[in-house]
PDB file of N, CA and C in Angstrom:
ATOM      1  N   UNK A   1    -111.295 -48.855  25.433  1.00  0.00           N
ATOM      2  CA  UNK A   1    -109.986 -48.778  26.262  1.00  0.00           C
ATOM      3  C   UNK A   1    -109.191 -47.824  26.946  1.00  0.00           C
ATOM      4  N   UNK A   2    -108.251 -48.436  27.631  1.00  0.00           N
ATOM      5  CA  UNK A   2    -107.993 -47.613  28.751  1.00  0.00           C
ATOM      6  C   UNK A   2    -106.910 -46.663  28.029  1.00  0.00           C
ATOM      7  N   UNK A   3    -105.685 -45.829  28.787  1.00  0.00           N
ATOM      8  CA  UNK A   3    -105.757 -44.884  28.818  1.00  0.00           C
ATOM      9  C   UNK A   3    -103.885 -44.862  29.026  1.00  0.00           C
ATOM     10  N   UNK A   4    -103.143 -45.257  27.943  1.00  0.00           N
ATOM     11  CA  UNK A   4    -101.168 -45.753  28.194  1.00  0.00           C
ATOM     12  C   UNK A   4    -100.542 -44.286  28.110  1.00  0.00           C
ATOM     13  N   UNK A   5     -99.843 -44.170  29.171  1.00  0.00           N
ATOM     14  CA  UNK A   5     -99.165 -43.200  29.155  1.00  0.00           C
ATOM     15  C   UNK A   5     -97.594 -43.928  28.719  1.00  0.00           C
ATOM     16  N   UNK A   6     -96.660 -42.835  27.901  1.00  0.00           N
ATOM     17  CA  UNK A   6     -95.126 -43.445  27.633  1.00  0.00           C
ATOM     18  C   UNK A   6     -94.548 -44.142  28.100  1.00  0.00           C
ATOM     19  N   UNK A   7     -93.611 -45.374  28.658  1.00  0.00           N
ATOM     20  CA  UNK A   7     -93.038 -45.620  29.963  1.00  0.00           C
ATOM     21  C   UNK A   7     -91.750 -44.560  29.992  1.00  0.00           C
ATOM     22  N   UNK A   8     -91.659 -44.269  31.336  1.00  0.00           N
ATOM     23  CA  UNK A   8     -90.559 -44.042  31.490  1.00  0.00           C
ATOM     24  C   UNK A   8     -88.851 -44.130  30.901  1.00  0.00           C
ATOM     25  N   UNK A   9     -88.283 -43.096  30.786  1.00  0.00           N
ATOM     26  CA  UNK A   9     -87.099 -44.106  30.189  1.00  0.00           C
ATOM     27  C   UNK A   9     -86.064 -43.529  31.207  1.00  0.00           C
ATOM     28  N   UNK A  10     -85.588 -44.873  30.916  1.00  0.00           N
ATOM     29  CA  UNK A  10     -84.288 -45.932  31.923  1.00  0.00           C
ATOM     30  C   UNK A  10     -83.209 -44.821  32.444  1.00  0.00           C
ATOM     31  N   UNK A  11     -83.012 -44.710  34.179  1.00  0.00           N
ATOM     32  CA  UNK A  11     -82.046 -43.722  34.085  1.00  0.00           C
ATOM     33  C   UNK A  11     -80.542 -44.179  33.922  1.00  0.00           C
ATOM     34  N   UNK A  12     -80.492 -45.285  32.643  1.00  0.00           N
ATOM     35  CA  UNK A  12     -79.265 -45.339  32.032  1.00  0.00           C
ATOM     36  C   UNK A  12     -79.214 -44.525  31.032  1.00  0.00           C
ATOM     37  N   UNK A  13     -80.835 -44.257  30.433  1.00  0.00           N
ATOM     38  CA  UNK A  13     -80.464 -43.031  28.942  1.00  0.00           C
ATOM     39  C   UNK A  13     -80.275 -41.813  30.022  1.00  0.00           C
ATOM     40  N   UNK A  14     -81.044 -41.653  30.825  1.00  0.00           N
ATOM     41  CA  UNK A  14     -81.267 -40.322  31.090  1.00  0.00           C
ATOM     42  C   UNK A  14     -79.580 -40.237  31.857  1.00  0.00           C
ATOM     43  N   UNK A  15     -78.805 -40.533  32.515  1.00  0.00           N
ATOM     44  CA  UNK A  15     -77.642 -40.522  33.003  1.00  0.00           C
ATOM     45  C   UNK A  15     -76.506 -41.393  32.709  1.00  0.00           C
ATOM     46  N   UNK A  16     -76.042 -41.248  31.637  1.00  0.00           N
ATOM     47  CA  UNK A  16     -75.261 -42.648  31.089  1.00  0.00           C
ATOM     48  C   UNK A  16     -73.830 -42.354  31.793  1.00  0.00           C
ATOM     49  N   UNK A  17     -73.369 -41.287  32.725  1.00  0.00           N
ATOM     50  CA  UNK A  17     -72.159 -41.293  32.791  1.00  0.00           C
ATOM     51  C   UNK A  17     -72.616 -42.302  33.973  1.00  0.00           C
ATOM     52  N   UNK A  18     -73.791 -42.414  35.112  1.00  0.00           N
ATOM     53  CA  UNK A  18     -73.776 -42.516  36.280  1.00  0.00           C
ATOM     54  C   UNK A  18     -73.488 -44.127  36.216  1.00  0.00           C
ATOM     55  N   UNK A  19     -74.523 -44.912  34.839  1.00  0.00           N
ATOM     56  CA  UNK A  19     -74.577 -45.767  34.713  1.00  0.00           C
ATOM     57  C   UNK A  19     -72.914 -46.505  34.083  1.00  0.00           C
ATOM     58  N   UNK A  20     -72.063 -45.721  33.675  1.00  0.00           N
ATOM     59  CA  UNK A  20     -71.206 -46.601  33.415  1.00  0.00           C
ATOM     60  C   UNK A  20     -70.058 -46.679  34.677  1.00  0.00           C
ATOM     61  N   UNK A  21     -70.017 -45.401  35.364  1.00  0.00           N
ATOM     62  CA  UNK A  21     -69.721 -45.634  36.758  1.00  0.00           C
ATOM     63  C   UNK A  21     -69.966 -46.079  37.596  1.00  0.00           C
ATOM     64  N   UNK A  22     -71.129 -47.065  37.571  1.00  0.00           N
ATOM     65  CA  UNK A  22     -71.697 -48.017  38.290  1.00  0.00           C
ATOM     66  C   UNK A  22     -71.201 -49.366  37.680  1.00  0.00           C
ATOM     67  N   UNK A  23     -70.958 -49.341  36.639  1.00  0.00           N
ATOM     68  CA  UNK A  23     -70.329 -50.790  36.043  1.00  0.00           C
ATOM     69  C   UNK A  23     -69.254 -50.728  36.333  1.00  0.00           C
ATOM     70  N   UNK A  24     -68.247 -49.516  35.902  1.00  0.00           N
ATOM     71  CA  UNK A  24     -66.785 -49.685  36.354  1.00  0.00           C
ATOM     72  C   UNK A  24     -66.874 -49.728  37.764  1.00  0.00           C
ATOM     73  N   UNK A  25     -67.330 -49.606  38.625  1.00  0.00           N
ATOM     74  CA  UNK A  25     -67.564 -49.378  40.041  1.00  0.00           C
ATOM     75  C   UNK A  25     -67.362 -51.365  40.260  1.00  0.00           C
ATOM     76  N   UNK A  26     -68.532 -51.805  39.764  1.00  0.00           N
ATOM     77  CA  UNK A  26     -68.849 -53.087  40.488  1.00  0.00           C
ATOM     78  C   UNK A  26     -67.615 -53.972  39.129  1.00  0.00           C
ATOM     79  N   UNK A  27     -67.228 -53.678  38.129  1.00  0.00           N
ATOM     80  CA  UNK A  27     -66.019 -54.326  37.537  1.00  0.00           C
ATOM     81  C   UNK A  27     -64.885 -54.423  38.427  1.00  0.00           C
ATOM     82  N   UNK A  28     -64.531 -53.234  38.968  1.00  0.00           N
ATOM     83  CA  UNK A  28     -63.739 -53.174  40.001  1.00  0.00           C
ATOM     84  C   UNK A  28     -63.576 -54.251  41.067  1.00  0.00           C
ATOM     85  N   UNK A  29     -64.633 -53.973  41.501  1.00  0.00           N
ATOM     86  CA  UNK A  29     -64.976 -54.838  42.954  1.00  0.00           C
ATOM     87  C   UNK A  29     -64.952 -56.516  42.630  1.00  0.00           C
ATOM     88  N   UNK A  30     -65.078 -56.659  41.301  1.00  0.00           N
ATOM     89  CA  UNK A  30     -65.361 -58.094  40.750  1.00  0.00           C
ATOM     90  C   UNK A  30     -64.601 -58.343  40.898  1.00  0.00           C
ATOM     91  N   UNK A  31     -63.260 -57.736  39.776  1.00  0.00           N
ATOM     92  CA  UNK A  31     -62.392 -58.225  39.706  1.00  0.00           C
ATOM     93  C   UNK A  31     -60.989 -58.887  41.013  1.00  0.00           C
ATOM     94  N   UNK A  32     -61.203 -57.724  41.831  1.00  0.00           N
ATOM     95  CA  UNK A  32     -60.078 -57.365  42.747  1.00  0.00           C
ATOM     96  C   UNK A  32     -60.129 -59.223  43.595  1.00  0.00           C
ATOM     97  N   UNK A  33     -61.125 -59.368  44.320  1.00  0.00           N
ATOM     98  CA  UNK A  33     -60.420 -60.695  44.939  1.00  0.00           C
ATOM     99  C   UNK A  33     -59.930 -61.724  44.206  1.00  0.00           C
ATOM    100  N   UNK A  34     -59.619 -61.171  42.220  1.00  0.00           N
ATOM    101  CA  UNK A  34     -59.444 -62.777  41.718  1.00  0.00           C
ATOM    102  C   UNK A  34     -57.947 -62.065  41.213  1.00  0.00           C
ATOM    103  N   UNK A  35     -57.447 -61.076  41.413  1.00  0.00           N
ATOM    104  CA  UNK A  35     -56.395 -60.764  40.679  1.00  0.00           C
ATOM    105  C   UNK A  35     -55.082 -61.191  40.775  1.00  0.00           C
ATOM    106  N   UNK A  36     -54.751 -61.957  41.958  1.00  0.00           N
ATOM    107  CA  UNK A  36     -53.728 -62.845  42.378  1.00  0.00           C
ATOM    108  C   UNK A  36     -54.006 -64.149  41.672  1.00  0.00           C
ATOM    109  N   UNK A  37     -55.122 -64.701  41.272  1.00  0.00           N
ATOM    110  CA  UNK A  37     -55.310 -65.836  40.202  1.00  0.00           C
ATOM    111  C   UNK A  37     -55.062 -65.358  39.198  1.00  0.00           C
ATOM    112  N   UNK A  38     -55.681 -64.205  38.409  1.00  0.00           N
ATOM    113  CA  UNK A  38     -55.371 -63.492  37.000  1.00  0.00           C
ATOM    114  C   UNK A  38     -53.895 -63.421  36.670  1.00  0.00           C
ATOM    115  N   UNK A  39     -53.629 -62.836  37.444  1.00  0.00           N
ATOM    116  CA  UNK A  39     -51.991 -62.025  37.715  1.00  0.00           C
ATOM    117  C   UNK A  39     -51.138 -63.446  37.540  1.00  0.00           C
ATOM    118  N   UNK A  40     -51.093 -64.541  38.598  1.00  0.00           N
ATOM    119  CA  UNK A  40     -50.413 -65.611  39.001  1.00  0.00           C
ATOM    120  C   UNK A  40     -50.232 -66.495  37.563  1.00  0.00           C
ATOM    121  N   UNK A  41     -51.376 -66.805  37.114  1.00  0.00           N
ATOM    122  CA  UNK A  41     -52.148 -67.703  35.757  1.00  0.00           C
ATOM    123  C   UNK A  41     -51.439 -67.379  34.549  1.00  0.00           C
ATOM    124  N   UNK A  42     -51.038 -67.707  33.493  1.00  0.00           N
ATOM    125  CA  UNK A  42     -50.317 -67.215  32.293  1.00  0.00           C
ATOM    126  C   UNK A  42     -51.016 -67.894  31.373  1.00  0.00           C
ATOM    127  N   UNK A  43     -51.671 -69.248  31.367  1.00  0.00           N
ATOM    128  CA  UNK A  43     -52.278 -69.636  30.104  1.00  0.00           C
ATOM    129  C   UNK A  43     -53.944 -69.508  30.733  1.00  0.00           C
ATOM    130  N   UNK A  44     -54.809 -69.906  29.270  1.00  0.00           N
ATOM    131  CA  UNK A  44     -56.149 -69.744  29.353  1.00  0.00           C
ATOM    132  C   UNK A  44     -56.511 -70.916  30.603  1.00  0.00           C
ATOM    133  N   UNK A  45     -56.383 -71.788  30.352  1.00  0.00           N
ATOM    134  CA  UNK A  45     -56.883 -72.867  31.345  1.00  0.00           C
ATOM    135  C   UNK A  45     -56.870 -72.601  32.221  1.00  0.00           C
ATOM    136  N   UNK A  46     -55.701 -72.081  32.897  1.00  0.00           N
ATOM    137  CA  UNK A  46     -55.585 -71.565  34.328  1.00  0.00           C
ATOM    138  C   UNK A  46     -56.189 -69.903  34.749  1.00  0.00           C
ATOM    139  N   UNK A  47     -56.457 -69.434  33.568  1.00  0.00           N
ATOM    140  CA  UNK A  47     -56.763 -68.067  34.301  1.00  0.00           C
ATOM    141  C   UNK A  47     -58.536 -68.284  33.845  1.00  0.00           C
ATOM    142  N   UNK A  48     -59.048 -68.888  32.984  1.00  0.00           N
ATOM    143  CA  UNK A  48     -60.488 -69.237  33.026  1.00  0.00           C
ATOM    144  C   UNK A  48     -61.345 -69.263  34.350  1.00  0.00           C
ATOM    145  N   UNK A  49     -60.567 -69.920  35.326  1.00  0.00           N
ATOM    146  CA  UNK A  49     -61.423 -70.087  36.437  1.00  0.00           C
ATOM    147  C   UNK A  49     -61.516 -69.017  37.278  1.00  0.00           C
ATOM    148  N   UNK A  50     -60.009 -67.964  37.196  1.00  0.00           N
ATOM    149  CA  UNK A  50     -60.351 -66.493  37.729  1.00  0.00           C
ATOM    150  C   UNK A  50     -61.105 -65.917  36.605  1.00  0.00           C
ATOM    151  N   UNK A  51     -61.196 -65.535  35.779  1.00  0.00           N
ATOM    152  CA  UNK A  51     -62.162 -64.450  34.793  1.00  0.00           C
ATOM    153  C   UNK A  51     -63.338 -65.013  34.931  1.00  0.00           C
ATOM    154  N   UNK A  52     -64.119 -66.482  35.346  1.00  0.00           N
ATOM    155  CA  UNK A  52     -65.489 -66.790  35.197  1.00  0.00           C
ATOM    156  C   UNK A  52     -65.660 -66.043  36.934  1.00  0.00           C
ATOM    157  N   UNK A  53     -64.907 -66.282  37.927  1.00  0.00           N
ATOM    158  CA  UNK A  53     -65.207 -65.994  39.108  1.00  0.00           C
ATOM    159  C   UNK A  53     -65.306 -64.549  39.477  1.00  0.00           C
ATOM    160  N   UNK A  54     -64.335 -63.785  38.686  1.00  0.00           N
ATOM    161  CA  UNK A  54     -64.576 -62.153  38.537  1.00  0.00           C
ATOM    162  C   UNK A  54     -66.415 -61.738  38.081  1.00  0.00           C
ATOM    163  N   UNK A  55     -66.422 -62.804  37.104  1.00  0.00           N
ATOM    164  CA  UNK A  55     -67.715 -62.131  36.492  1.00  0.00           C
ATOM    165  C   UNK A  55     -68.382 -62.614  37.185  1.00  0.00           C
ATOM    166  N   UNK A  56     -68.582 -63.894  37.558  1.00  0.00           N
ATOM    167  CA  UNK A  56     -69.734 -64.221  38.798  1.00  0.00           C
ATOM    168  C   UNK A  56     -70.232 -62.567  40.077  1.00  0.00           C
ATOM    169  N   UNK A  57     -68.932 -62.452  40.159  1.00  0.00           N
ATOM    170  CA  UNK A  57     -68.902 -61.567  41.704  1.00  0.00           C
ATOM    171  C   UNK A  57     -69.328 -60.516  40.667  1.00  0.00           C
ATOM    172  N   UNK A  58     -69.149 -59.932  39.609  1.00  0.00           N
ATOM    173  CA  UNK A  58     -69.220 -58.347  39.475  1.00  0.00           C
ATOM    174  C   UNK A  58     -71.059 -58.840  38.923  1.00  0.00           C
ATOM    175  N   UNK A  59     -71.808 -59.450  38.395  1.00  0.00           N
ATOM    176  CA  UNK A  59     -73.000 -60.055  37.999  1.00  0.00           C
ATOM    177  C   UNK A  59     -73.871 -59.933  39.354  1.00  0.00           C
ATOM    178  N   UNK A  60     -73.496 -60.528  40.639  1.00  0.00           N
ATOM    179  CA  UNK A  60     -74.008 -60.515  41.155  1.00  0.00           C
ATOM    180  C   UNK A  60     -73.992 -59.199  42.107  1.00  0.00           C
ATOM    181  N   UNK A  61     -72.730 -58.041  42.041  1.00  0.00           N
ATOM    182  CA  UNK A  61     -72.706 -57.169  42.647  1.00  0.00           C
ATOM    183  C   UNK A  61     -74.046 -56.202  41.501  1.00  0.00           C
ATOM    184  N   UNK A  62     -73.818 -56.170  40.470  1.00  0.00           N
ATOM    185  CA  UNK A  62     -75.081 -55.673  39.517  1.00  0.00           C
ATOM    186  C   UNK A  62     -76.297 -56.071  40.053  1.00  0.00           C
ATOM    187  N   UNK A  63     -76.538 -57.535  40.173  1.00  0.00           N
ATOM    188  CA  UNK A  63     -78.279 -57.540  40.658  1.00  0.00           C
ATOM    189  C   UNK A  63     -77.928 -56.809  41.746  1.00  0.00           C
ATOM    190  N   UNK A  64     -77.520 -57.229  43.099  1.00  0.00           N
ATOM    191  CA  UNK A  64     -77.637 -56.498  44.522  1.00  0.00           C
ATOM    192  C   UNK A  64     -77.852 -55.140  44.118  1.00  0.00           C
ATOM    193  N   UNK A  65     -76.979 -54.315  43.409  1.00  0.00           N
ATOM    194  CA  UNK A  65     -77.359 -52.864  43.438  1.00  0.00           C
ATOM    195  C   UNK A  65     -78.176 -52.328  42.782  1.00  0.00           C
ATOM    196  N   UNK A  66     -79.054 -53.490  42.021  1.00  0.00           N
ATOM    197  CA  UNK A  66     -80.547 -52.853  40.984  1.00  0.00           C
ATOM    198  C   UNK A  66     -81.420 -52.902  42.151  1.00  0.00           C
ATOM    199  N   UNK A  67     -81.204 -53.751  43.359  1.00  0.00           N
ATOM    200  CA  UNK A  67     -82.758 -53.523  43.982  1.00  0.00           C
ATOM    201  C   UNK A  67     -82.828 -52.322  44.578  1.00  0.00           C
ATOM    202  N   UNK A  68     -83.895 -52.167  44.663  1.00  0.00           N
ATOM    203  CA  UNK A  68     -84.950 -50.641  45.367  1.00  0.00           C
ATOM    204  C   UNK A  68     -84.076 -50.484  46.356  1.00  0.00           C
ATOM    205  N   UNK A  69     -84.095 -51.422  47.694  1.00  0.00           N
ATOM    206  CA  UNK A  69     -83.381 -50.550  48.822  1.00  0.00           C
ATOM    207  C   UNK A  69     -82.059 -50.281  48.722  1.00  0.00           C
ATOM    208  N   UNK A  70     -81.459 -51.501  48.205  1.00  0.00           N
ATOM    209  CA  UNK A  70     -79.959 -51.069  48.325  1.00  0.00           C
ATOM    210  C   UNK A  70     -79.591 -49.712  47.236  1.00  0.00           C
ATOM    211  N   UNK A  71     -80.131 -49.404  46.514  1.00  0.00           N
ATOM    212  CA  UNK A  71     -80.109 -48.295  45.479  1.00  0.00           C
ATOM    213  C   UNK A  71     -80.101 -47.157  46.176  1.00  0.00           C
ATOM    214  N   UNK A  72     -81.708 -47.329  47.415  1.00  0.00           N
ATOM    215  CA  UNK A  72     -81.952 -46.427  48.475  1.00  0.00           C
ATOM    216  C   UNK A  72     -80.564 -45.747  49.228  1.00  0.00           C
ATOM    217  N   UNK A  73     -79.895 -46.938  49.493  1.00  0.00           N
ATOM    218  CA  UNK A  73     -79.208 -47.023  50.671  1.00  0.00           C
ATOM    219  C   UNK A  73     -78.171 -46.204  49.816  1.00  0.00           C
ATOM    220  N   UNK A  74     -77.449 -46.561  48.621  1.00  0.00           N
ATOM    221  CA  UNK A  74     -76.573 -45.875  47.849  1.00  0.00           C
ATOM    222  C   UNK A  74     -76.662 -44.239  47.842  1.00  0.00           C
ATOM    223  N   UNK A  75     -78.012 -43.853  47.582  1.00  0.00           N
ATOM    224  CA  UNK A  75     -78.257 -42.511  47.417  1.00  0.00           C
ATOM    225  C   UNK A  75     -78.429 -42.005  48.759  1.00  0.00           C
ATOM    226  N   UNK A  76     -78.096 -43.032  49.331  1.00  0.00           N
ATOM    227  CA  UNK A  76     -78.250 -42.082  51.101  1.00  0.00           C
ATOM    228  C   UNK A  76     -76.507 -41.673  51.460  1.00  0.00           C
ATOM    229  N   UNK A  77     -76.117 -42.822  51.323  1.00  0.00           N
ATOM    230  CA  UNK A  77     -74.701 -43.270  52.215  1.00  0.00           C
ATOM    231  C   UNK A  77     -73.213 -42.744  50.484  1.00  0.00           C
ATOM    232  N   UNK A  78     -74.026 -43.235  49.511  1.00  0.00           N
ATOM    233  CA  UNK A  78     -72.725 -43.244  48.487  1.00  0.00           C
ATOM    234  C   UNK A  78     -73.483 -42.818  47.074  1.00  0.00           C
ATOM    235  N   UNK A  79     -73.591 -41.466  46.898  1.00  0.00           N
ATOM    236  CA  UNK A  79     -74.850 -40.487  45.838  1.00  0.00           C
ATOM    237  C   UNK A  79     -74.385 -40.712  44.562  1.00  0.00           C
ATOM    238  N   UNK A  80     -72.989 -41.000  45.096  1.00  0.00           N
ATOM    239  CA  UNK A  80     -72.138 -40.711  43.304  1.00  0.00           C
ATOM    240  C   UNK A  80     -72.120 -41.870  43.173  1.00  0.00           C
ATOM    241  N   UNK A  81     -72.659 -43.300  43.382  1.00  0.00           N
ATOM    242  CA  UNK A  81     -73.296 -44.987  42.604  1.00  0.00           C
ATOM    243  C   UNK A  81     -74.591 -45.028  42.556  1.00  0.00           C
ATOM    244  N   UNK A  82     -75.616 -43.933  43.045  1.00  0.00           N
ATOM    245  CA  UNK A  82     -76.865 -44.103  42.911  1.00  0.00           C
ATOM    246  C   UNK A  82     -77.051 -44.194  41.461  1.00  0.00           C
ATOM    247  N   UNK A  83     -77.998 -44.641  41.367  1.00  0.00           N
ATOM    248  CA  UNK A  83     -79.085 -44.861  39.751  1.00  0.00           C
ATOM    249  C   UNK A  83     -79.237 -43.623  38.706  1.00  0.00           C
ATOM    250  N   UNK A  84     -79.760 -42.530  39.671  1.00  0.00           N
ATOM    251  CA  UNK A  84     -80.215 -41.794  40.082  1.00  0.00           C
ATOM    252  C   UNK A  84     -79.572 -40.162  40.607  1.00  0.00           C
ATOM    253  N   UNK A  85     -79.318 -39.259  40.546  1.00  0.00           N
ATOM    254  CA  UNK A  85     -78.742 -37.760  41.583  1.00  0.00           C
ATOM    255  C   UNK A  85     -80.207 -37.666  42.264  1.00  0.00           C
ATOM    256  N   UNK A  86     -79.738 -37.292  43.581  1.00  0.00           N
ATOM    257  CA  UNK A  86     -81.039 -36.862  44.498  1.00  0.00           C
ATOM    258  C   UNK A  86     -81.530 -35.806  43.683  1.00  0.00           C
ATOM    259  N   UNK A  87     -82.819 -35.185  44.213  1.00  0.00           N
ATOM    260  CA  UNK A  87     -83.875 -34.347  43.418  1.00  0.00           C
ATOM    261  C   UNK A  87     -83.089 -33.054  44.221  1.00  0.00           C
ATOM    262  N   UNK A  88     -83.067 -32.348  42.956  1.00  0.00           N
ATOM    263  CA  UNK A  88     -81.974 -30.920  43.426  1.00  0.00           C
ATOM    264  C   UNK A  88     -80.628 -30.790  44.101  1.00  0.00           C
ATOM    265  N   UNK A  89     -80.015 -31.967  43.644  1.00  0.00           N
ATOM    266  CA  UNK A  89     -78.599 -31.926  43.989  1.00  0.00           C
ATOM    267  C   UNK A  89     -78.159 -32.281  42.104  1.00  0.00           C
ATOM    268  N   UNK A  90     -76.560 -31.832  42.713  1.00  0.00           N
ATOM    269  CA  UNK A  90     -76.075 -32.018  41.045  1.00  0.00           C
ATOM    270  C   UNK A  90     -75.277 -32.969  40.743  1.00  0.00           C
ATOM    271  N   UNK A  91     -75.268 -34.037  41.658  1.00  0.00           N
ATOM    272  CA  UNK A  91     -74.038 -35.402  41.522  1.00  0.00           C
ATOM    273  C   UNK A  91     -75.135 -36.316  40.606  1.00  0.00           C
TER     274      UNK A  91
END
C-alpha cells in the first residue's frame, strides 16, 4: 500500500477571520444591486424575487472568488480579500 499524508487544513480553518471577511464582502456586493427592490417591497411575495436575486449574485461571486486565478489576483491587488495571507506578510 502507498503512503498517504494527512490532508491539508482548509484555509477557512486556518484563517477564520479572512473567511468571514470574504463572506461579508460577497454578501454586500450581492445585496447592493437589489437593495432598491428589497427596500421598495413591503410584502414577502414581492421581496422574494429581490432576495433570490441577491442570493444568486452572492453565490456567483463566492464561486468566482474560489477560482485559483481569481484568488491569485486578489492576493496581488486586494490582499485583505485573499484566502490566505501573503507569505511573510501579516495580513
